[in-house]
Amino acid sequence: MERSQETADARRYPRLECLAPVRVRYAGWRVQFARMVDHSDGGFRVLSRSAFEEGAQVELVFEGFVPEGSALSLFETYEGVVRWTRKVEGPGLPLFEAGIEWVRGPS
């Protein structure tokens, strides 16, 4: 998937690719399952079957994901805000991606 030059230039932190399950809670009770596909010191990008709302406050739960050299560990919860979202074009089921910025470290 290609990103525009404008998006690439807006990045403040280098991205590290990965593929990890994440549970996203938002709107007080809604839970959405997604896959984290890259992360950085500023946030991460997820793929999901449902779209997130831009500006939504989210709580991210990483279950069983411990990347080498990362501060993330089992079952940690992070707070974030959805900064952008878009539909991924292609055949098959609908797929959406979202950029989520960290708001606070693990709790």
C-alpha atoms as a PDB file:
ATOM      1  CA  MET A   1       0.000   0.000   0.000  1.00  0.00           C
ATOM      2  CA  GLU A   2       1.487   3.353  -0.990  1.00  0.00           C
ATOM      3  CA  ARG A   3       1.252   6.436   1.176  1.00  0.00           C
ATOM      4  CA  SER A   4       1.247   9.976  -0.124  1.00  0.00           C
ATOM      5  CA  GLN A   5       4.377  12.083   0.272  1.00  0.00           C
ATOM      6  CA  GLU A   6       2.383  14.455   2.480  1.00  0.00           C
ATOM      7  CA  THR A   7       1.559  11.629   4.935  1.00  0.00           C
ATOM      8  CA  ALA A   8       5.141  10.360   4.970  1.00  0.00           C
ATOM      9  CA  ASP A   9       6.485  13.868   5.697  1.00  0.00           C
ATOM     10  CA  ALA A  10       4.032  14.364   8.569  1.00  0.00           C
ATOM     11  CA  ARG A  11       5.529  11.470  10.560  1.00  0.00           C
ATOM     12  CA  ARG A  12       7.504  12.469  13.617  1.00  0.00           C
ATOM     13  CA  TYR A  13       8.725   8.986  14.563  1.00  0.00           C
ATOM     14  CA  PRO A  14      10.067   6.049  12.535  1.00  0.00           C
ATOM     15  CA  ARG A  15       7.584   3.201  12.048  1.00  0.00           C
ATOM     16  CA  LEU A  16       8.252  -0.450  12.872  1.00  0.00           C
ATOM     17  CA  GLU A  17       6.194  -3.017  11.008  1.00  0.00           C
ATOM     18  CA  CYS A  18       4.468  -5.773  12.950  1.00  0.00           C
ATOM     19  CA  LEU A  19       1.312  -7.891  12.917  1.00  0.00           C
ATOM     20  CA  ALA A  20      -0.322  -8.228  16.324  1.00  0.00           C
ATOM     21  CA  PRO A  21      -3.884  -8.608  17.604  1.00  0.00           C
ATOM     22  CA  VAL A  22      -5.297  -5.702  19.598  1.00  0.00           C
ATOM     23  CA  ARG A  23      -8.647  -5.156  21.269  1.00  0.00           C
ATOM     24  CA  VAL A  24      -9.918  -1.570  21.011  1.00  0.00           C
ATOM     25  CA  ARG A  25     -12.541  -0.295  23.472  1.00  0.00           C
ATOM     26  CA  TYR A  26     -14.305   2.990  22.830  1.00  0.00           C
ATOM     27  CA  ALA A  27     -17.599   4.855  23.303  1.00  0.00           C
ATOM     28  CA  GLY A  28     -17.682   3.523  26.871  1.00  0.00           C
ATOM     29  CA  TRP A  29     -18.519  -0.074  25.977  1.00  0.00           C
ATOM     30  CA  ARG A  30     -17.898  -0.871  22.318  1.00  0.00           C
ATOM     31  CA  VAL A  31     -15.159  -3.388  21.561  1.00  0.00           C
ATOM     32  CA  GLN A  32     -13.550  -3.820  18.179  1.00  0.00           C
ATOM     33  CA  PHE A  33     -10.875  -6.347  17.291  1.00  0.00           C
ATOM     34  CA  ALA A  34      -8.096  -5.210  14.992  1.00  0.00           C
ATOM     35  CA  ARG A  35      -4.555  -5.976  13.847  1.00  0.00           C
ATOM     36  CA  MET A  36      -1.728  -3.581  14.605  1.00  0.00           C
ATOM     37  CA  VAL A  37       0.396  -3.368  11.441  1.00  0.00           C
ATOM     38  CA  ASP A  38       2.970  -0.782  12.520  1.00  0.00           C
ATOM     39  CA  HIS A  39       3.901   1.197  15.611  1.00  0.00           C
ATOM     40  CA  SER A  40       6.141   4.038  16.730  1.00  0.00           C
ATOM     41  CA  ASP A  41       6.827   6.159  19.795  1.00  0.00           C
ATOM     42  CA  GLY A  42       3.875   8.347  18.758  1.00  0.00           C
ATOM     43  CA  GLY A  43       1.213   5.749  18.025  1.00  0.00           C
ATOM     44  CA  PHE A  44       0.307   2.962  15.664  1.00  0.00           C
ATOM     45  CA  ARG A  45      -1.748   1.904  12.652  1.00  0.00           C
ATOM     46  CA  VAL A  46      -4.450  -0.784  12.781  1.00  0.00           C
ATOM     47  CA  LEU A  47      -6.520  -2.700  10.247  1.00  0.00           C
ATOM     48  CA  SER A  48     -10.104  -3.614  11.135  1.00  0.00           C
ATOM     49  CA  ARG A  49     -13.351  -4.857   9.554  1.00  0.00           C
ATOM     50  CA  SER A  50     -15.194  -1.803  10.929  1.00  0.00           C
ATOM     51  CA  ALA A  51     -14.333   1.878  10.713  1.00  0.00           C
ATOM     52  CA  PHE A  52     -13.306   3.942  13.712  1.00  0.00           C
ATOM     53  CA  GLU A  53     -14.471   7.527  14.167  1.00  0.00           C
ATOM     54  CA  GLU A  54     -11.811  10.236  13.868  1.00  0.00           C
ATOM     55  CA  GLY A  55     -11.239  11.946  17.199  1.00  0.00           C
ATOM     56  CA  ALA A  56     -12.601   8.997  19.217  1.00  0.00           C
ATOM     57  CA  GLN A  57     -10.893   8.314  22.542  1.00  0.00           C
ATOM     58  CA  VAL A  58      -9.884   4.651  22.653  1.00  0.00           C
ATOM     59  CA  GLU A  59      -8.425   2.160  25.085  1.00  0.00           C
ATOM     60  CA  LEU A  60      -6.089  -0.403  23.526  1.00  0.00           C
ATOM     61  CA  VAL A  61      -5.508  -3.813  25.053  1.00  0.00           C
ATOM     62  CA  PHE A  62      -2.586  -5.876  23.756  1.00  0.00           C
ATOM     63  CA  GLU A  63      -3.140  -9.495  24.639  1.00  0.00           C
ATOM     64  CA  GLY A  64      -0.196 -11.823  24.245  1.00  0.00           C
ATOM     65  CA  PHE A  65       1.986  -9.404  22.236  1.00  0.00           C
ATOM     66  CA  VAL A  66       5.541  -8.869  23.440  1.00  0.00           C
ATOM     67  CA  PRO A  67       7.764  -7.579  20.595  1.00  0.00           C
ATOM     68  CA  GLU A  68      11.506  -7.903  21.114  1.00  0.00           C
ATOM     69  CA  GLY A  69      13.016  -4.754  22.541  1.00  0.00           C
ATOM     70  CA  SER A  70       9.629  -3.163  23.197  1.00  0.00           C
ATOM     71  CA  ALA A  71       8.218  -1.745  26.406  1.00  0.00           C
ATOM     72  CA  LEU A  72       4.863  -3.403  25.628  1.00  0.00           C
ATOM     73  CA  SER A  73       4.043  -6.520  27.629  1.00  0.00           C
ATOM     74  CA  LEU A  74       1.175  -8.938  28.134  1.00  0.00           C
ATOM     75  CA  PHE A  75      -2.286  -7.490  28.748  1.00  0.00           C
ATOM     76  CA  GLU A  76      -1.199  -3.867  29.049  1.00  0.00           C
ATOM     77  CA  THR A  77      -3.761  -1.170  28.335  1.00  0.00           C
ATOM     78  CA  TYR A  78      -2.950   2.086  26.555  1.00  0.00           C
ATOM     79  CA  GLU A  79      -5.064   5.170  25.917  1.00  0.00           C
ATOM     80  CA  GLY A  80      -5.125   6.846  22.535  1.00  0.00           C
ATOM     81  CA  VAL A  81      -7.076   8.985  20.120  1.00  0.00           C
ATOM     82  CA  VAL A  82      -7.994   8.124  16.523  1.00  0.00           C
ATOM     83  CA  ARG A  83      -6.265  10.730  14.311  1.00  0.00           C
ATOM     84  CA  TRP A  84      -7.269   9.435  10.863  1.00  0.00           C
ATOM     85  CA  THR A  85      -9.235   6.611   9.297  1.00  0.00           C
ATOM     86  CA  ARG A  86      -9.911   5.407   5.765  1.00  0.00           C
ATOM     87  CA  LYS A  87     -11.293   2.474   3.814  1.00  0.00           C
ATOM     88  CA  VAL A  88      -8.748   0.165   2.183  1.00  0.00           C
ATOM     89  CA  GLU A  89      -9.716  -0.441  -1.429  1.00  0.00           C
ATOM     90  CA  GLY A  90      -9.615  -4.010  -2.704  1.00  0.00           C
ATOM     91  CA  PRO A  91     -11.622  -7.174  -3.249  1.00  0.00           C
ATOM     92  CA  GLY A  92     -13.237  -9.128  -0.423  1.00  0.00           C
ATOM     93  CA  LEU A  93     -14.730  -7.981   2.843  1.00  0.00           C
ATOM     94  CA  PRO A  94     -14.560  -4.289   3.756  1.00  0.00           C
ATOM     95  CA  LEU A  95     -11.315  -3.354   5.480  1.00  0.00           C
ATOM     96  CA  PHE A  96     -10.454  -0.095   7.223  1.00  0.00           C
ATOM     97  CA  GLU A  97      -7.239   1.344   8.598  1.00  0.00           C
ATOM     98  CA  ALA A  98      -6.772   3.926  11.322  1.00  0.00           C
ATOM     99  CA  GLY A  99      -3.896   5.898  12.808  1.00  0.00           C
ATOM    100  CA  ILE A 100      -4.052   6.085  16.602  1.00  0.00           C
ATOM    101  CA  GLU A 101      -1.893   8.443  18.648  1.00  0.00           C
ATOM    102  CA  TRP A 102      -0.784   7.446  22.141  1.00  0.00           C
ATOM    103  CA  VAL A 103      -2.267   9.673  24.830  1.00  0.00           C
ATOM    104  CA  ARG A 104      -0.760   7.977  27.864  1.00  0.00           C
ATOM    105  CA  GLY A 105       1.474   5.005  28.628  1.00  0.00           C
ATOM    106  CA  PRO A 106       0.368   1.616  29.977  1.00  0.00           C
ATOM    107  CA  SER A 107      -1.981   1.315  32.908  1.00  0.00           C
END
